[in-house]
Amino acid sequence: MLTWPALLLMSLGNPVLAVVGMVVLGLLIAAYDGAAGAAMAELFPPRIRSGAIAIPYNIAVSLFGGTAPYIATWLVAATGYKLSPAFYIMLAAVITLVTVLRGIRETAGPRAR
């Protein structure tokens, strides 16, 4: 949800604020990427893990990452608001959060006490 403020900082024309905005986005991406690999690995048994992760992951990256510049350009043109791509990213984040909270179960077993 910090995408809009980070993009706002980057659009103000101040190089220091632009770097702060990029660092914020970088930290958010690092937090996601740090947990994503472990979470995806736990979804599948070892014998099919590589293909079961790689195929849907790369399809999703191609579909959403490949079309993101087009959608961002269209959003700016359609709304006239230069920060409107932030809302596309925030929507994707909400969809991801709902999917994770509803669809992924813990696989570690009971916790030690």
Protein backbone atom coordinates (compact mmCIF):
# COMPACT_ATOMS: atom_id res chain seq x y z
CA MET A 1 0.00 0.00 0.00
CA LEU A 2 3.05 2.25 0.05
CA THR A 3 3.28 2.28 -3.74
CA TRP A 4 1.37 5.52 -4.19
CA PRO A 5 3.42 7.48 -1.62
CA ALA A 6 6.65 6.07 -3.07
CA LEU A 7 5.68 7.05 -6.62
CA LEU A 8 4.61 10.46 -5.35
CA LEU A 9 8.06 10.97 -3.81
CA MET A 10 9.68 9.96 -7.10
CA SER A 11 7.55 12.41 -9.09
CA LEU A 12 8.30 15.54 -7.06
CA GLY A 13 11.50 16.41 -8.95
CA ASN A 14 13.76 16.22 -5.91
CA PRO A 15 16.55 13.65 -6.43
CA VAL A 16 16.82 12.85 -2.71
CA LEU A 17 13.08 12.19 -2.41
CA ALA A 18 13.21 10.12 -5.60
CA VAL A 19 15.88 7.92 -4.05
CA VAL A 20 13.83 7.60 -0.86
CA GLY A 21 10.83 6.49 -2.95
CA MET A 22 12.96 3.94 -4.81
CA VAL A 23 14.37 2.61 -1.54
CA VAL A 24 10.85 2.20 -0.15
CA LEU A 25 9.78 0.24 -3.23
CA GLY A 26 13.00 -1.77 -3.14
CA LEU A 27 12.43 -2.74 0.51
CA LEU A 28 8.87 -3.80 -0.27
CA ILE A 29 10.01 -5.93 -3.21
CA ALA A 30 12.78 -7.47 -1.08
CA ALA A 31 10.30 -8.36 1.67
CA TYR A 32 8.01 -10.04 -0.86
CA ASP A 33 10.77 -11.83 -2.75
CA GLY A 34 12.41 -13.02 0.46
CA ALA A 35 9.31 -14.92 1.52
CA ALA A 36 7.93 -15.89 -1.89
CA GLY A 37 10.54 -18.51 -2.71
CA ALA A 38 10.08 -20.37 0.56
CA ALA A 39 6.30 -20.13 0.34
CA MET A 40 6.24 -21.47 -3.22
CA ALA A 41 8.60 -24.31 -2.35
CA GLU A 42 6.28 -25.48 0.42
CA LEU A 43 3.30 -25.70 -1.91
CA PHE A 44 4.54 -28.77 -3.81
CA PRO A 45 6.25 -32.08 -3.06
CA PRO A 46 9.96 -32.21 -3.99
CA ARG A 47 9.56 -34.48 -7.02
CA ILE A 48 7.41 -31.96 -8.95
CA ARG A 49 8.46 -28.74 -7.21
CA SER A 50 10.67 -27.28 -9.94
CA GLY A 51 8.16 -27.52 -12.77
CA ALA A 52 5.14 -26.83 -10.58
CA ILE A 53 6.67 -23.56 -9.46
CA ALA A 54 8.42 -22.50 -12.66
CA ILE A 55 5.58 -22.87 -15.16
CA PRO A 56 2.81 -20.89 -13.38
CA TYR A 57 5.30 -18.36 -12.00
CA ASN A 58 6.70 -17.56 -15.43
CA ILE A 59 3.26 -17.42 -17.01
CA ALA A 60 2.16 -14.93 -14.34
CA VAL A 61 5.33 -12.85 -14.71
CA SER A 62 4.88 -12.79 -18.49
CA LEU A 63 1.21 -11.92 -18.28
CA PHE A 64 1.39 -9.22 -15.61
CA GLY A 65 4.97 -8.01 -15.96
CA GLY A 66 4.84 -8.01 -19.73
CA THR A 67 1.62 -6.03 -19.91
CA ALA A 68 2.39 -3.67 -17.00
CA PRO A 69 3.97 -0.91 -19.12
CA TYR A 70 1.01 -0.95 -21.51
CA ILE A 71 -1.52 -0.88 -18.66
CA ALA A 72 0.40 1.88 -16.86
CA THR A 73 0.50 3.99 -20.03
CA TRP A 74 -3.20 3.37 -20.64
CA LEU A 75 -4.11 4.28 -17.05
CA VAL A 76 -2.24 7.57 -17.27
CA ALA A 77 -3.83 8.37 -20.64
CA ALA A 78 -7.33 7.37 -19.50
CA THR A 79 -7.27 9.16 -16.15
CA GLY A 80 -4.85 12.00 -16.79
CA TYR A 81 -3.32 11.23 -13.39
CA LYS A 82 0.39 10.41 -13.61
CA LEU A 83 0.34 8.29 -10.44
CA SER A 84 -2.56 6.07 -11.50
CA PRO A 85 -0.27 3.06 -12.15
CA ALA A 86 0.24 2.92 -8.38
CA PHE A 87 -3.38 1.85 -8.01
CA TYR A 88 -2.82 -1.03 -10.45
CA ILE A 89 0.10 -2.22 -8.32
CA MET A 90 -1.93 -1.79 -5.14
CA LEU A 91 -4.81 -3.81 -6.63
CA ALA A 92 -2.42 -6.62 -7.51
CA ALA A 93 -1.05 -6.49 -3.95
CA VAL A 94 -4.54 -6.78 -2.45
CA ILE A 95 -5.36 -9.73 -4.72
CA THR A 96 -2.10 -11.40 -3.66
CA LEU A 97 -2.81 -10.77 0.03
CA VAL A 98 -6.31 -12.25 -0.20
CA THR A 99 -4.96 -15.27 -2.07
CA VAL A 100 -2.23 -15.87 0.49
CA LEU A 101 -4.55 -15.46 3.48
CA ARG A 102 -7.27 -17.68 2.05
CA GLY A 103 -5.40 -20.20 -0.03
CA ILE A 104 -2.06 -21.08 1.53
CA ARG A 105 -1.91 -23.30 4.59
CA GLU A 106 0.99 -23.74 6.97
CA THR A 107 2.91 -26.96 6.25
CA ALA A 108 5.40 -26.97 9.12
CA GLY A 109 3.19 -28.95 11.49
CA PRO A 110 2.59 -28.20 15.16
CA ARG A 111 4.85 -25.69 16.88
CA ALA A 112 7.14 -26.70 19.69
CA ARG A 113 6.15 -25.41 23.11
